[in-house]
Amino acid sequence: MEIHVEHRAPATVVRIVGNVDGLTAEALLAQLQAHVGEGHVYLVGDLSGVGYTSSAGLRALLAVVRDTRSSGGDLRLAAVHAPVLKILELSGFTSILKVFDDVDGAVASYSA
């Protein structure tokens, strides 16, 4: 898994490439929590490069949502492929997280 970070005011875009599973979820969680700890609490998770997420990946996302929201921010997802979106829907995550068709829309939602 690779993680690429881009600051696009007012949000920080985190592009994830690869699967998010038991082997990679902790690394993802650590990187996202580090950004929140630095004050970057408006996050956009660009999942255009993610083909699969396990329950470990869902737990990591949930932990980051709690962290960002407790600091006055949020985590929003963008460009989610159909198989990953189905997992998010079945697990009820689409009622917790806002999901956008593309990164631009997710970033713009923070300005609205």
PDB file of N, CA and C in Angstrom:
ATOM      1  N   MET A   1       0.837  -1.176   0.000  1.00  0.00           N
ATOM      2  CA  MET A   1       0.000   0.000   0.000  1.00  0.00           C
ATOM      3  C   MET A   1       0.885   1.243   0.000  1.00  0.00           C
ATOM      4  N   GLU A   2       0.464   2.235  -0.756  1.00  0.00           N
ATOM      5  CA  GLU A   2       1.151   3.525  -0.807  1.00  0.00           C
ATOM      6  C   GLU A   2       0.181   4.610  -0.369  1.00  0.00           C
ATOM      7  N   ILE A   3       0.732   5.632   0.277  1.00  0.00           N
ATOM      8  CA  ILE A   3      -0.068   6.761   0.719  1.00  0.00           C
ATOM      9  C   ILE A   3       0.592   8.035   0.215  1.00  0.00           C
ATOM     10  N   HIS A   4      -0.179   8.831  -0.512  1.00  0.00           N
ATOM     11  CA  HIS A   4       0.308  10.099  -1.054  1.00  0.00           C
ATOM     12  C   HIS A   4      -0.533  11.216  -0.454  1.00  0.00           C
ATOM     13  N   VAL A   5       0.114  12.263   0.024  1.00  0.00           N
ATOM     14  CA  VAL A   5      -0.589  13.351   0.692  1.00  0.00           C
ATOM     15  C   VAL A   5      -0.423  14.641  -0.099  1.00  0.00           C
ATOM     16  N   GLU A   6      -1.527  15.350  -0.243  1.00  0.00           N
ATOM     17  CA  GLU A   6      -1.523  16.637  -0.938  1.00  0.00           C
ATOM     18  C   GLU A   6      -2.389  17.607  -0.141  1.00  0.00           C
ATOM     19  N   HIS A   7      -1.863  18.761   0.168  1.00  0.00           N
ATOM     20  CA  HIS A   7      -2.623  19.778   0.882  1.00  0.00           C
ATOM     21  C   HIS A   7      -3.326  20.658  -0.151  1.00  0.00           C
ATOM     22  N   ARG A   8      -4.650  20.620  -0.106  1.00  0.00           N
ATOM     23  CA  ARG A   8      -5.485  21.421  -1.006  1.00  0.00           C
ATOM     24  C   ARG A   8      -6.494  22.167  -0.155  1.00  0.00           C
ATOM     25  N   ALA A   9      -6.128  23.381   0.209  1.00  0.00           N
ATOM     26  CA  ALA A   9      -6.946  24.154   1.139  1.00  0.00           C
ATOM     27  C   ALA A   9      -8.418  24.088   0.758  1.00  0.00           C
ATOM     28  N   PRO A  10      -9.269  23.840   1.705  1.00  0.00           N
ATOM     29  CA  PRO A  10      -9.022  23.751   3.139  1.00  0.00           C
ATOM     30  C   PRO A  10      -8.747  22.325   3.630  1.00  0.00           C
ATOM     31  N   ALA A  11      -8.586  21.392   2.728  1.00  0.00           N
ATOM     32  CA  ALA A  11      -8.467  19.982   3.125  1.00  0.00           C
ATOM     33  C   ALA A  11      -7.085  19.411   2.835  1.00  0.00           C
ATOM     34  N   THR A  12      -6.833  18.282   3.453  1.00  0.00           N
ATOM     35  CA  THR A  12      -5.665  17.470   3.153  1.00  0.00           C
ATOM     36  C   THR A  12      -6.164  16.216   2.459  1.00  0.00           C
ATOM     37  N   VAL A  13      -5.689  15.985   1.239  1.00  0.00           N
ATOM     38  CA  VAL A  13      -6.107  14.819   0.460  1.00  0.00           C
ATOM     39  C   VAL A  13      -5.089  13.709   0.671  1.00  0.00           C
ATOM     40  N   VAL A  14      -5.602  12.553   1.072  1.00  0.00           N
ATOM     41  CA  VAL A  14      -4.758  11.383   1.290  1.00  0.00           C
ATOM     42  C   VAL A  14      -5.168  10.344   0.253  1.00  0.00           C
ATOM     43  N   ARG A  15      -4.295  10.127  -0.728  1.00  0.00           N
ATOM     44  CA  ARG A  15      -4.579   9.150  -1.791  1.00  0.00           C
ATOM     45  C   ARG A  15      -3.959   7.822  -1.396  1.00  0.00           C
ATOM     46  N   ILE A  16      -4.798   6.809  -1.336  1.00  0.00           N
ATOM     47  CA  ILE A  16      -4.374   5.478  -0.921  1.00  0.00           C
ATOM     48  C   ILE A  16      -4.348   4.585  -2.153  1.00  0.00           C
ATOM     49  N   VAL A  17      -3.238   3.884  -2.332  1.00  0.00           N
ATOM     50  CA  VAL A  17      -3.090   2.983  -3.469  1.00  0.00           C
ATOM     51  C   VAL A  17      -2.764   1.598  -2.924  1.00  0.00           C
ATOM     52  N   GLY A  18      -3.601   0.635  -3.263  1.00  0.00           N
ATOM     53  CA  GLY A  18      -3.402  -0.736  -2.792  1.00  0.00           C
ATOM     54  C   GLY A  18      -4.552  -1.155  -1.895  1.00  0.00           C
ATOM     55  N   ASN A  19      -4.477  -2.368  -1.394  1.00  0.00           N
ATOM     56  CA  ASN A  19      -5.524  -2.884  -0.522  1.00  0.00           C
ATOM     57  C   ASN A  19      -5.320  -2.406   0.905  1.00  0.00           C
ATOM     58  N   VAL A  20      -6.427  -2.199   1.594  1.00  0.00           N
ATOM     59  CA  VAL A  20      -6.380  -1.844   3.008  1.00  0.00           C
ATOM     60  C   VAL A  20      -6.912  -3.056   3.770  1.00  0.00           C
ATOM     61  N   ASP A  21      -5.997  -3.749   4.418  1.00  0.00           N
ATOM     62  CA  ASP A  21      -6.360  -4.995   5.099  1.00  0.00           C
ATOM     63  C   ASP A  21      -5.576  -5.107   6.404  1.00  0.00           C
ATOM     64  N   GLY A  22      -5.582  -6.297   6.981  1.00  0.00           N
ATOM     65  CA  GLY A  22      -4.906  -6.518   8.248  1.00  0.00           C
ATOM     66  C   GLY A  22      -3.423  -6.220   8.213  1.00  0.00           C
ATOM     67  N   LEU A  23      -2.809  -6.305   7.037  1.00  0.00           N
ATOM     68  CA  LEU A  23      -1.378  -6.040   6.913  1.00  0.00           C
ATOM     69  C   LEU A  23      -1.060  -4.553   6.751  1.00  0.00           C
ATOM     70  N   THR A  24      -2.011  -3.775   6.272  1.00  0.00           N
ATOM     71  CA  THR A  24      -1.722  -2.375   5.937  1.00  0.00           C
ATOM     72  C   THR A  24      -2.526  -1.360   6.746  1.00  0.00           C
ATOM     73  N   ALA A  25      -3.585  -1.791   7.410  1.00  0.00           N
ATOM     74  CA  ALA A  25      -4.480  -0.854   8.094  1.00  0.00           C
ATOM     75  C   ALA A  25      -3.773  -0.068   9.196  1.00  0.00           C
ATOM     76  N   GLU A  26      -2.891  -0.701   9.934  1.00  0.00           N
ATOM     77  CA  GLU A  26      -2.196   0.003  11.017  1.00  0.00           C
ATOM     78  C   GLU A  26      -1.320   1.135  10.477  1.00  0.00           C
ATOM     79  N   ALA A  27      -0.639   0.886   9.365  1.00  0.00           N
ATOM     80  CA  ALA A  27       0.202   1.926   8.764  1.00  0.00           C
ATOM     81  C   ALA A  27      -0.660   3.088   8.286  1.00  0.00           C
ATOM     82  N   LEU A  28      -1.791   2.779   7.689  1.00  0.00           N
ATOM     83  CA  LEU A  28      -2.714   3.825   7.241  1.00  0.00           C
ATOM     84  C   LEU A  28      -3.211   4.626   8.440  1.00  0.00           C
ATOM     85  N   LEU A  29      -3.640   3.934   9.482  1.00  0.00           N
ATOM     86  CA  LEU A  29      -4.138   4.603  10.674  1.00  0.00           C
ATOM     87  C   LEU A  29      -3.073   5.520  11.275  1.00  0.00           C
ATOM     88  N   ALA A  30      -1.861   5.033  11.376  1.00  0.00           N
ATOM     89  CA  ALA A  30      -0.774   5.832  11.959  1.00  0.00           C
ATOM     90  C   ALA A  30      -0.529   7.103  11.155  1.00  0.00           C
ATOM     91  N   GLN A  31      -0.516   6.980   9.824  1.00  0.00           N
ATOM     92  CA  GLN A  31      -0.269   8.167   8.981  1.00  0.00           C
ATOM     93  C   GLN A  31      -1.411   9.167   9.098  1.00  0.00           C
ATOM     94  N   LEU A  32      -2.638   8.684   9.075  1.00  0.00           N
ATOM     95  CA  LEU A  32      -3.780   9.594   9.156  1.00  0.00           C
ATOM     96  C   LEU A  32      -3.840  10.266  10.523  1.00  0.00           C
ATOM     97  N   GLN A  33      -3.581   9.523  11.578  1.00  0.00           N
ATOM     98  CA  GLN A  33      -3.594  10.110  12.910  1.00  0.00           C
ATOM     99  C   GLN A  33      -2.467  11.133  13.079  1.00  0.00           C
ATOM    100  N   ALA A  34      -1.350  10.901  12.421  1.00  0.00           N
ATOM    101  CA  ALA A  34      -0.252  11.870  12.472  1.00  0.00           C
ATOM    102  C   ALA A  34      -0.682  13.195  11.846  1.00  0.00           C
ATOM    103  N   HIS A  35      -1.403  13.131  10.737  1.00  0.00           N
ATOM    104  CA  HIS A  35      -1.884  14.359  10.093  1.00  0.00           C
ATOM    105  C   HIS A  35      -2.891  15.078  10.987  1.00  0.00           C
ATOM    106  N   VAL A  36      -3.773  14.320  11.611  1.00  0.00           N
ATOM    107  CA  VAL A  36      -4.741  14.928  12.529  1.00  0.00           C
ATOM    108  C   VAL A  36      -3.996  15.574  13.696  1.00  0.00           C
ATOM    109  N   GLY A  37      -2.991  14.894  14.202  1.00  0.00           N
ATOM    110  CA  GLY A  37      -2.193  15.427  15.301  1.00  0.00           C
ATOM    111  C   GLY A  37      -1.474  16.716  14.950  1.00  0.00           C
ATOM    112  N   GLU A  38      -1.178  16.909  13.666  1.00  0.00           N
ATOM    113  CA  GLU A  38      -0.535  18.141  13.186  1.00  0.00           C
ATOM    114  C   GLU A  38      -1.551  19.246  12.909  1.00  0.00           C
ATOM    115  N   GLY A  39      -2.826  18.958  13.162  1.00  0.00           N
ATOM    116  CA  GLY A  39      -3.863  19.966  12.960  1.00  0.00           C
ATOM    117  C   GLY A  39      -4.589  19.885  11.641  1.00  0.00           C
ATOM    118  N   HIS A  40      -4.282  18.894  10.838  1.00  0.00           N
ATOM    119  CA  HIS A  40      -4.974  18.710   9.552  1.00  0.00           C
ATOM    120  C   HIS A  40      -6.214  17.845   9.809  1.00  0.00           C
ATOM    121  N   VAL A  41      -7.301  18.498  10.192  1.00  0.00           N
ATOM    122  CA  VAL A  41      -8.490  17.757  10.611  1.00  0.00           C
ATOM    123  C   VAL A  41      -9.571  17.689   9.532  1.00  0.00           C
ATOM    124  N   TYR A  42      -9.332  18.351   8.392  1.00  0.00           N
ATOM    125  CA  TYR A  42     -10.248  18.248   7.254  1.00  0.00           C
ATOM    126  C   TYR A  42      -9.592  17.329   6.239  1.00  0.00           C
ATOM    127  N   LEU A  43      -9.944  16.057   6.311  1.00  0.00           N
ATOM    128  CA  LEU A  43      -9.297  15.056   5.465  1.00  0.00           C
ATOM    129  C   LEU A  43     -10.232  14.553   4.381  1.00  0.00           C
ATOM    130  N   VAL A  44      -9.651  14.286   3.215  1.00  0.00           N
ATOM    131  CA  VAL A  44     -10.349  13.608   2.121  1.00  0.00           C
ATOM    132  C   VAL A  44      -9.553  12.349   1.821  1.00  0.00           C
ATOM    133  N   GLY A  45     -10.200  11.215   1.946  1.00  0.00           N
ATOM    134  CA  GLY A  45      -9.577   9.949   1.590  1.00  0.00           C
ATOM    135  C   GLY A  45      -9.885   9.637   0.143  1.00  0.00           C
ATOM    136  N   ASP A  46      -8.890   9.753  -0.714  1.00  0.00           N
ATOM    137  CA  ASP A  46      -9.035   9.425  -2.134  1.00  0.00           C
ATOM    138  C   ASP A  46      -8.822   7.925  -2.271  1.00  0.00           C
ATOM    139  N   LEU A  47      -9.901   7.196  -2.477  1.00  0.00           N
ATOM    140  CA  LEU A  47      -9.839   5.732  -2.553  1.00  0.00           C
ATOM    141  C   LEU A  47      -9.835   5.223  -3.990  1.00  0.00           C
ATOM    142  N   SER A  48      -9.491   6.086  -4.927  1.00  0.00           N
ATOM    143  CA  SER A  48      -9.494   5.676  -6.338  1.00  0.00           C
ATOM    144  C   SER A  48      -8.497   4.550  -6.616  1.00  0.00           C
ATOM    145  N   GLY A  49      -7.505   4.396  -5.762  1.00  0.00           N
ATOM    146  CA  GLY A  49      -6.510   3.348  -5.948  1.00  0.00           C
ATOM    147  C   GLY A  49      -6.702   2.142  -5.058  1.00  0.00           C
ATOM    148  N   VAL A  50      -7.846   2.072  -4.374  1.00  0.00           N
ATOM    149  CA  VAL A  50      -8.116   0.970  -3.446  1.00  0.00           C
ATOM    150  C   VAL A  50      -9.103   0.004  -4.083  1.00  0.00           C
ATOM    151  N   GLY A  51      -8.703  -1.245  -4.185  1.00  0.00           N
ATOM    152  CA  GLY A  51      -9.575  -2.263  -4.762  1.00  0.00           C
ATOM    153  C   GLY A  51     -10.282  -3.116  -3.736  1.00  0.00           C
ATOM    154  N   TYR A  52      -9.793  -3.065  -2.476  1.00  0.00           N
ATOM    155  CA  TYR A  52     -10.370  -3.913  -1.428  1.00  0.00           C
ATOM    156  C   TYR A  52     -10.054  -3.319  -0.066  1.00  0.00           C
ATOM    157  N   THR A  53     -11.006  -3.424   0.840  1.00  0.00           N
ATOM    158  CA  THR A  53     -10.746  -3.111   2.242  1.00  0.00           C
ATOM    159  C   THR A  53     -11.383  -4.171   3.106  1.00  0.00           C
ATOM    160  N   SER A  54     -10.680  -4.541   4.151  1.00  0.00           N
ATOM    161  CA  SER A  54     -11.191  -5.530   5.098  1.00  0.00           C
ATOM    162  C   SER A  54     -11.781  -4.818   6.300  1.00  0.00           C
ATOM    163  N   SER A  55     -12.214  -5.592   7.276  1.00  0.00           N
ATOM    164  CA  SER A  55     -12.740  -4.993   8.498  1.00  0.00           C
ATOM    165  C   SER A  55     -11.658  -4.196   9.226  1.00  0.00           C
ATOM    166  N   ALA A  56     -10.405  -4.579   9.084  1.00  0.00           N
ATOM    167  CA  ALA A  56      -9.310  -3.812   9.693  1.00  0.00           C
ATOM    168  C   ALA A  56      -9.235  -2.417   9.074  1.00  0.00           C
ATOM    169  N   GLY A  57      -9.437  -2.322   7.778  1.00  0.00           N
ATOM    170  CA  GLY A  57      -9.461  -1.033   7.105  1.00  0.00           C
ATOM    171  C   GLY A  57     -10.634  -0.186   7.558  1.00  0.00           C
ATOM    172  N   LEU A  58     -11.787  -0.819   7.749  1.00  0.00           N
ATOM    173  CA  LEU A  58     -12.966  -0.097   8.228  1.00  0.00           C
ATOM    174  C   LEU A  58     -12.733   0.432   9.638  1.00  0.00           C
ATOM    175  N   ARG A  59     -12.096  -0.365  10.493  1.00  0.00           N
ATOM    176  CA  ARG A  59     -11.796   0.095  11.854  1.00  0.00           C
ATOM    177  C   ARG A  59     -10.854   1.295  11.831  1.00  0.00           C
ATOM    178  N   ALA A  60      -9.881   1.268  10.918  1.00  0.00           N
ATOM    179  CA  ALA A  60      -8.953   2.399  10.799  1.00  0.00           C
ATOM    180  C   ALA A  60      -9.707   3.654  10.381  1.00  0.00           C
ATOM    181  N   LEU A  61     -10.581   3.547   9.409  1.00  0.00           N
ATOM    182  CA  LEU A  61     -11.371   4.700   8.964  1.00  0.00           C
ATOM    183  C   LEU A  61     -12.237   5.239  10.103  1.00  0.00           C
ATOM    184  N   LEU A  62     -12.858   4.335  10.852  1.00  0.00           N
ATOM    185  CA  LEU A  62     -13.711   4.749  11.954  1.00  0.00           C
ATOM    186  C   LEU A  62     -12.910   5.494  13.029  1.00  0.00           C
ATOM    187  N   ALA A  63     -11.723   5.012  13.330  1.00  0.00           N
ATOM    188  CA  ALA A  63     -10.873   5.679  14.326  1.00  0.00           C
ATOM    189  C   ALA A  63     -10.498   7.084  13.866  1.00  0.00           C
ATOM    190  N   VAL A  64     -10.205   7.237  12.579  1.00  0.00           N
ATOM    191  CA  VAL A  64      -9.824   8.548  12.049  1.00  0.00           C
ATOM    192  C   VAL A  64     -11.029   9.490  12.038  1.00  0.00           C
ATOM    193  N   VAL A  65     -12.203   8.978  11.728  1.00  0.00           N
ATOM    194  CA  VAL A  65     -13.414   9.802  11.769  1.00  0.00           C
ATOM    195  C   VAL A  65     -13.611  10.337  13.184  1.00  0.00           C
ATOM    196  N   ARG A  66     -13.472   9.484  14.176  1.00  0.00           N
ATOM    197  CA  ARG A  66     -13.624   9.931  15.570  1.00  0.00           C
ATOM    198  C   ARG A  66     -12.598  11.011  15.908  1.00  0.00           C
ATOM    199  N   ASP A  67     -11.346  10.786  15.499  1.00  0.00           N
ATOM    200  CA  ASP A  67     -10.286  11.754  15.790  1.00  0.00           C
ATOM    201  C   ASP A  67     -10.552  13.104  15.136  1.00  0.00           C
ATOM    202  N   THR A  68     -10.908  13.080  13.856  1.00  0.00           N
ATOM    203  CA  THR A  68     -11.129  14.349  13.149  1.00  0.00           C
ATOM    204  C   THR A  68     -12.337  15.083  13.715  1.00  0.00           C
ATOM    205  N   ARG A  69     -13.404  14.372  13.955  1.00  0.00           N
ATOM    206  CA  ARG A  69     -14.620  15.022  14.444  1.00  0.00           C
ATOM    207  C   ARG A  69     -14.443  15.558  15.864  1.00  0.00           C
ATOM    208  N   SER A  70     -13.672  14.868  16.683  1.00  0.00           N
ATOM    209  CA  SER A  70     -13.448  15.381  18.041  1.00  0.00           C
ATOM    210  C   SER A  70     -12.578  16.631  18.019  1.00  0.00           C
ATOM    211  N   SER A  71     -11.896  16.872  16.899  1.00  0.00           N
ATOM    212  CA  SER A  71     -11.073  18.073  16.739  1.00  0.00           C
ATOM    213  C   SER A  71     -11.752  19.125  15.875  1.00  0.00           C
ATOM    214  N   GLY A  72     -13.032  18.932  15.565  1.00  0.00           N
ATOM    215  CA  GLY A  72     -13.780  19.911  14.788  1.00  0.00           C
ATOM    216  C   GLY A  72     -13.699  19.732  13.291  1.00  0.00           C
ATOM    217  N   GLY A  73     -13.154  18.613  12.825  1.00  0.00           N
ATOM    218  CA  GLY A  73     -13.019  18.361  11.396  1.00  0.00           C
ATOM    219  C   GLY A  73     -13.871  17.188  10.947  1.00  0.00           C
ATOM    220  N   ASP A  74     -13.398  16.508   9.904  1.00  0.00           N
ATOM    221  CA  ASP A  74     -14.128  15.359   9.376  1.00  0.00           C
ATOM    222  C   ASP A  74     -13.221  14.586   8.414  1.00  0.00           C
ATOM    223  N   LEU A  75     -13.606  13.377   8.118  1.00  0.00           N
ATOM    224  CA  LEU A  75     -12.998  12.561   7.069  1.00  0.00           C
ATOM    225  C   LEU A  75     -14.077  12.290   6.044  1.00  0.00           C
ATOM    226  N   ARG A  76     -13.794  12.634   4.789  1.00  0.00           N
ATOM    227  CA  ARG A  76     -14.729  12.382   3.698  1.00  0.00           C
ATOM    228  C   ARG A  76     -14.022  11.529   2.663  1.00  0.00           C
ATOM    229  N   LEU A  77     -14.763  10.634   2.044  1.00  0.00           N
ATOM    230  CA  LEU A  77     -14.183   9.715   1.064  1.00  0.00           C
ATOM    231  C   LEU A  77     -14.558  10.135  -0.348  1.00  0.00           C
ATOM    232  N   ALA A  78     -13.657   9.846  -1.282  1.00  0.00           N
ATOM    233  CA  ALA A  78     -13.890  10.224  -2.674  1.00  0.00           C
ATOM    234  C   ALA A  78     -13.417   9.126  -3.610  1.00  0.00           C
ATOM    235  N   ALA A  79     -14.043   9.062  -4.769  1.00  0.00           N
ATOM    236  CA  ALA A  79     -13.642   8.177  -5.870  1.00  0.00           C
ATOM    237  C   ALA A  79     -13.550   6.722  -5.427  1.00  0.00           C
ATOM    238  N   VAL A  80     -14.576   6.273  -4.737  1.00  0.00           N
ATOM    239  CA  VAL A  80     -14.599   4.915  -4.200  1.00  0.00           C
ATOM    240  C   VAL A  80     -15.083   3.948  -5.280  1.00  0.00           C
ATOM    241  N   HIS A  81     -14.281   2.913  -5.560  1.00  0.00           N
ATOM    242  CA  HIS A  81     -14.665   1.902  -6.549  1.00  0.00           C
ATOM    243  C   HIS A  81     -15.845   1.075  -6.028  1.00  0.00           C
ATOM    244  N   ALA A  82     -16.645   0.559  -6.941  1.00  0.00           N
ATOM    245  CA  ALA A  82     -17.874  -0.164  -6.609  1.00  0.00           C
ATOM    246  C   ALA A  82     -17.679  -1.280  -5.580  1.00  0.00           C
ATOM    247  N   PRO A  83     -16.648  -2.136  -5.691  1.00  0.00           N
ATOM    248  CA  PRO A  83     -16.514  -3.206  -4.684  1.00  0.00           C
ATOM    249  C   PRO A  83     -16.264  -2.666  -3.267  1.00  0.00           C
ATOM    250  N   VAL A  84     -15.496  -1.599  -3.163  1.00  0.00           N
ATOM    251  CA  VAL A  84     -15.221  -1.003  -1.851  1.00  0.00           C
ATOM    252  C   VAL A  84     -16.465  -0.273  -1.352  1.00  0.00           C
ATOM    253  N   LEU A  85     -17.166   0.405  -2.246  1.00  0.00           N
ATOM    254  CA  LEU A  85     -18.395   1.091  -1.866  1.00  0.00           C
ATOM    255  C   LEU A  85     -19.418   0.090  -1.330  1.00  0.00           C
ATOM    256  N   LYS A  86     -19.484  -1.067  -1.945  1.00  0.00           N
ATOM    257  CA  LYS A  86     -20.424  -2.100  -1.477  1.00  0.00           C
ATOM    258  C   LYS A  86     -20.093  -2.527  -0.052  1.00  0.00           C
ATOM    259  N   ILE A  87     -18.808  -2.685   0.247  1.00  0.00           N
ATOM    260  CA  ILE A  87     -18.384  -3.032   1.605  1.00  0.00           C
ATOM    261  C   ILE A  87     -18.782  -1.917   2.572  1.00  0.00           C
ATOM    262  N   LEU A  88     -18.557  -0.673   2.169  1.00  0.00           N
ATOM    263  CA  LEU A  88     -18.938   0.465   3.016  1.00  0.00           C
ATOM    264  C   LEU A  88     -20.446   0.490   3.257  1.00  0.00           C
ATOM    265  N   GLU A  89     -21.218   0.217   2.217  1.00  0.00           N
ATOM    266  CA  GLU A  89     -22.679   0.215   2.345  1.00  0.00           C
ATOM    267  C   GLU A  89     -23.151  -0.914   3.249  1.00  0.00           C
ATOM    268  N   LEU A  90     -22.634  -2.124   3.027  1.00  0.00           N
ATOM    269  CA  LEU A  90     -23.062  -3.282   3.819  1.00  0.00           C
ATOM    270  C   LEU A  90     -22.708  -3.138   5.289  1.00  0.00           C
ATOM    271  N   SER A  91     -21.624  -2.452   5.569  1.00  0.00           N
ATOM    272  CA  SER A  91     -21.192  -2.285   6.960  1.00  0.00           C
ATOM    273  C   SER A  91     -21.813  -1.053   7.622  1.00  0.00           C
ATOM    274  N   GLY A  92     -22.608  -0.286   6.869  1.00  0.00           N
ATOM    275  CA  GLY A  92     -23.265   0.893   7.412  1.00  0.00           C
ATOM    276  C   GLY A  92     -22.403   2.145   7.433  1.00  0.00           C
ATOM    277  N   PHE A  93     -21.233   2.077   6.814  1.00  0.00           N
ATOM    278  CA  PHE A  93     -20.315   3.215   6.843  1.00  0.00           C
ATOM    279  C   PHE A  93     -20.790   4.388   6.003  1.00  0.00           C
ATOM    280  N   THR A  94     -21.640   4.141   5.023  1.00  0.00           N
ATOM    281  CA  THR A  94     -22.124   5.259   4.208  1.00  0.00           C
ATOM    282  C   THR A  94     -23.105   6.131   4.988  1.00  0.00           C
ATOM    283  N   SER A  95     -23.584   5.650   6.132  1.00  0.00           N
ATOM    284  CA  SER A  95     -24.411   6.510   6.988  1.00  0.00           C
ATOM    285  C   SER A  95     -23.537   7.289   7.980  1.00  0.00           C
ATOM    286  N   ILE A  96     -22.271   6.907   8.097  1.00  0.00           N
ATOM    287  CA  ILE A  96     -21.336   7.573   9.008  1.00  0.00           C
ATOM    288  C   ILE A  96     -20.464   8.569   8.252  1.00  0.00           C
ATOM    289  N   LEU A  97     -20.000   8.164   7.079  1.00  0.00           N
ATOM    290  CA  LEU A  97     -19.073   8.962   6.270  1.00  0.00           C
ATOM    291  C   LEU A  97     -19.782   9.544   5.051  1.00  0.00           C
ATOM    292  N   LYS A  98     -19.346  10.736   4.662  1.00  0.00           N
ATOM    293  CA  LYS A  98     -19.832  11.304   3.412  1.00  0.00           C
ATOM    294  C   LYS A  98     -18.937  10.780   2.293  1.00  0.00           C
ATOM    295  N   VAL A  99     -19.569  10.310   1.216  1.00  0.00           N
ATOM    296  CA  VAL A  99     -18.846   9.741   0.085  1.00  0.00           C
ATOM    297  C   VAL A  99     -19.153  10.593  -1.151  1.00  0.00           C
ATOM    298  N   PHE A 100     -18.082  10.986  -1.851  1.00  0.00           N
ATOM    299  CA  PHE A 100     -18.196  11.849  -3.025  1.00  0.00           C
ATOM    300  C   PHE A 100     -17.686  11.122  -4.262  1.00  0.00           C
ATOM    301  N   ASP A 101     -18.215  11.525  -5.420  1.00  0.00           N
ATOM    302  CA  ASP A 101     -17.801  10.905  -6.679  1.00  0.00           C
ATOM    303  C   ASP A 101     -16.341  11.174  -7.002  1.00  0.00           C
ATOM    304  N   ASP A 102     -15.869  12.378  -6.629  1.00  0.00           N
ATOM    305  CA  ASP A 102     -14.485  12.715  -6.960  1.00  0.00           C
ATOM    306  C   ASP A 102     -13.857  13.560  -5.852  1.00  0.00           C
ATOM    307  N   VAL A 103     -12.561  13.693  -5.924  1.00  0.00           N
ATOM    308  CA  VAL A 103     -11.801  14.420  -4.916  1.00  0.00           C
ATOM    309  C   VAL A 103     -12.184  15.894  -4.900  1.00  0.00           C
ATOM    310  N   ASP A 104     -12.341  16.496  -6.074  1.00  0.00           N
ATOM    311  CA  ASP A 104     -12.693  17.915  -6.142  1.00  0.00           C
ATOM    312  C   ASP A 104     -13.986  18.207  -5.379  1.00  0.00           C
ATOM    313  N   GLY A 105     -14.972  17.341  -5.546  1.00  0.00           N
ATOM    314  CA  GLY A 105     -16.250  17.518  -4.848  1.00  0.00           C
ATOM    315  C   GLY A 105     -16.102  17.391  -3.345  1.00  0.00           C
ATOM    316  N   ALA A 106     -15.283  16.443  -2.912  1.00  0.00           N
ATOM    317  CA  ALA A 106     -15.063  16.250  -1.473  1.00  0.00           C
ATOM    318  C   ALA A 106     -14.336  17.447  -0.873  1.00  0.00           C
ATOM    319  N   VAL A 107     -13.317  17.942  -1.554  1.00  0.00           N
ATOM    320  CA  VAL A 107     -12.574  19.116  -1.061  1.00  0.00           C
ATOM    321  C   VAL A 107     -13.496  20.326  -1.022  1.00  0.00           C
ATOM    322  N   ALA A 108     -14.272  20.530  -2.079  1.00  0.00           N
ATOM    323  CA  ALA A 108     -15.184  21.677  -2.148  1.00  0.00           C
ATOM    324  C   ALA A 108     -16.248  21.623  -1.060  1.00  0.00           C
ATOM    325  N   SER A 109     -16.621  20.434  -0.612  1.00  0.00           N
ATOM    326  CA  SER A 109     -17.670  20.310   0.413  1.00  0.00           C
ATOM    327  C   SER A 109     -17.245  20.950   1.728  1.00  0.00           C
ATOM    328  N   TYR A 110     -15.967  21.083   1.977  1.00  0.00           N
ATOM    329  CA  TYR A 110     -15.519  21.725   3.203  1.00  0.00           C
ATOM    330  C   TYR A 110     -15.700  23.245   3.142  1.00  0.00           C
ATOM    331  N   SER A 111     -15.746  23.793   1.967  1.00  0.00           N
ATOM    332  CA  SER A 111     -15.914  25.241   1.811  1.00  0.00           C
ATOM    333  C   SER A 111     -17.383  25.646   1.893  1.00  0.00           C
ATOM    334  N   ALA A 112     -18.257  24.688   1.655  1.00  0.00           N
ATOM    335  CA  ALA A 112     -19.685  24.991   1.609  1.00  0.00           C
ATOM    336  C   ALA A 112     -20.272  25.254   2.974  1.00  0.00           C
TER     337      ALA A 112
END
